[in-house]
Amino acid sequence: MDYRGKKKIFFYGVGGVLLGFITVILIFREFFPEYVGEAIYSWAAIAILIAALKEMSKRKKS
């Protein structure tokens, strides 16, 4: 895969995480305002976990 393909996948991944983050914040602000902080922390933890799993799978292949 060339550099442009990797760059495109990276930006789609970052865009997806940001879009999901914003969606979670908006939904929790509307329906569960007392849990917004916990939602932000859990979403960040999920994003970090996914990134770590991808990095581990890369290292396992090489």
C-alpha atoms as a PDB file:
ATOM      1  CA  MET A   1       0.000   0.000   0.000  1.00  0.00           C
ATOM      2  CA  ASP A   2       1.358   3.405  -0.893  1.00  0.00           C
ATOM      3  CA  TYR A   3       1.655   6.458   1.317  1.00  0.00           C
ATOM      4  CA  ARG A   4      -1.587   8.052   0.099  1.00  0.00           C
ATOM      5  CA  GLY A   5      -3.588   4.938   0.888  1.00  0.00           C
ATOM      6  CA  LYS A   6      -2.212   4.811   4.424  1.00  0.00           C
ATOM      7  CA  LYS A   7      -2.868   8.512   4.880  1.00  0.00           C
ATOM      8  CA  LYS A   8      -6.468   8.108   3.707  1.00  0.00           C
ATOM      9  CA  ILE A   9      -7.084   5.191   6.084  1.00  0.00           C
ATOM     10  CA  PHE A  10      -5.545   7.186   8.949  1.00  0.00           C
ATOM     11  CA  PHE A  11      -7.771  10.207   8.331  1.00  0.00           C
ATOM     12  CA  TYR A  12     -10.877   8.038   7.967  1.00  0.00           C
ATOM     13  CA  GLY A  13     -10.021   6.398  11.292  1.00  0.00           C
ATOM     14  CA  VAL A  14      -9.445   9.706  13.059  1.00  0.00           C
ATOM     15  CA  GLY A  15     -12.592  11.160  11.504  1.00  0.00           C
ATOM     16  CA  GLY A  16     -14.628   8.151  12.601  1.00  0.00           C
ATOM     17  CA  VAL A  17     -13.353   8.382  16.163  1.00  0.00           C
ATOM     18  CA  LEU A  18     -14.077  12.120  16.315  1.00  0.00           C
ATOM     19  CA  LEU A  19     -17.540  11.676  14.824  1.00  0.00           C
ATOM     20  CA  GLY A  20     -18.322   8.935  17.332  1.00  0.00           C
ATOM     21  CA  PHE A  21     -16.962  11.063  20.175  1.00  0.00           C
ATOM     22  CA  ILE A  22     -19.150  14.026  19.200  1.00  0.00           C
ATOM     23  CA  THR A  23     -22.180  11.761  18.792  1.00  0.00           C
ATOM     24  CA  VAL A  24     -21.683  10.237  22.241  1.00  0.00           C
ATOM     25  CA  ILE A  25     -21.349  13.688  23.804  1.00  0.00           C
ATOM     26  CA  LEU A  26     -24.496  14.994  22.103  1.00  0.00           C
ATOM     27  CA  ILE A  27     -26.575  11.928  22.987  1.00  0.00           C
ATOM     28  CA  PHE A  28     -25.442  11.930  26.602  1.00  0.00           C
ATOM     29  CA  ARG A  29     -25.955  15.701  26.950  1.00  0.00           C
ATOM     30  CA  GLU A  30     -29.530  15.292  25.757  1.00  0.00           C
ATOM     31  CA  PHE A  31     -30.628  12.143  27.576  1.00  0.00           C
ATOM     32  CA  PHE A  32     -28.166  11.551  30.433  1.00  0.00           C
ATOM     33  CA  PRO A  33     -26.618  14.908  31.403  1.00  0.00           C
ATOM     34  CA  GLU A  34     -25.308  13.572  34.722  1.00  0.00           C
ATOM     35  CA  TYR A  35     -23.148  10.958  32.934  1.00  0.00           C
ATOM     36  CA  VAL A  36     -21.390  13.121  30.316  1.00  0.00           C
ATOM     37  CA  GLY A  37     -18.000  12.897  32.053  1.00  0.00           C
ATOM     38  CA  GLU A  38     -18.136   9.121  32.321  1.00  0.00           C
ATOM     39  CA  ALA A  39     -19.164   8.860  28.664  1.00  0.00           C
ATOM     40  CA  ILE A  40     -16.167  10.940  27.581  1.00  0.00           C
ATOM     41  CA  TYR A  41     -13.751   8.854  29.638  1.00  0.00           C
ATOM     42  CA  SER A  42     -15.208   5.566  28.413  1.00  0.00           C
ATOM     43  CA  TRP A  43     -15.114   6.692  24.770  1.00  0.00           C
ATOM     44  CA  ALA A  44     -11.485   7.742  25.140  1.00  0.00           C
ATOM     45  CA  ALA A  45     -10.670   4.388  26.744  1.00  0.00           C
ATOM     46  CA  ILE A  46     -12.346   2.518  23.880  1.00  0.00           C
ATOM     47  CA  ALA A  47     -10.419   4.550  21.284  1.00  0.00           C
ATOM     48  CA  ILE A  48      -7.111   3.894  23.085  1.00  0.00           C
ATOM     49  CA  LEU A  49      -7.918   0.180  23.354  1.00  0.00           C
ATOM     50  CA  ILE A  50      -8.669  -0.063  19.624  1.00  0.00           C
ATOM     51  CA  ALA A  51      -5.417   1.749  18.787  1.00  0.00           C
ATOM     52  CA  ALA A  52      -3.453  -0.567  21.080  1.00  0.00           C
ATOM     53  CA  LEU A  53      -5.024  -3.668  19.527  1.00  0.00           C
ATOM     54  CA  LYS A  54      -4.167  -2.438  16.035  1.00  0.00           C
ATOM     55  CA  GLU A  55      -0.579  -1.755  17.083  1.00  0.00           C
ATOM     56  CA  MET A  56      -0.284  -5.208  18.640  1.00  0.00           C
ATOM     57  CA  SER A  57      -1.615  -6.859  15.491  1.00  0.00           C
ATOM     58  CA  LYS A  58       0.926  -4.903  13.399  1.00  0.00           C
ATOM     59  CA  ARG A  59       3.789  -6.079  15.602  1.00  0.00           C
ATOM     60  CA  LYS A  60       2.554  -9.656  15.527  1.00  0.00           C
ATOM     61  CA  LYS A  61       2.606  -9.692  11.697  1.00  0.00           C
ATOM     62  CA  SER A  62       6.176  -8.397  11.430  1.00  0.00           C
END
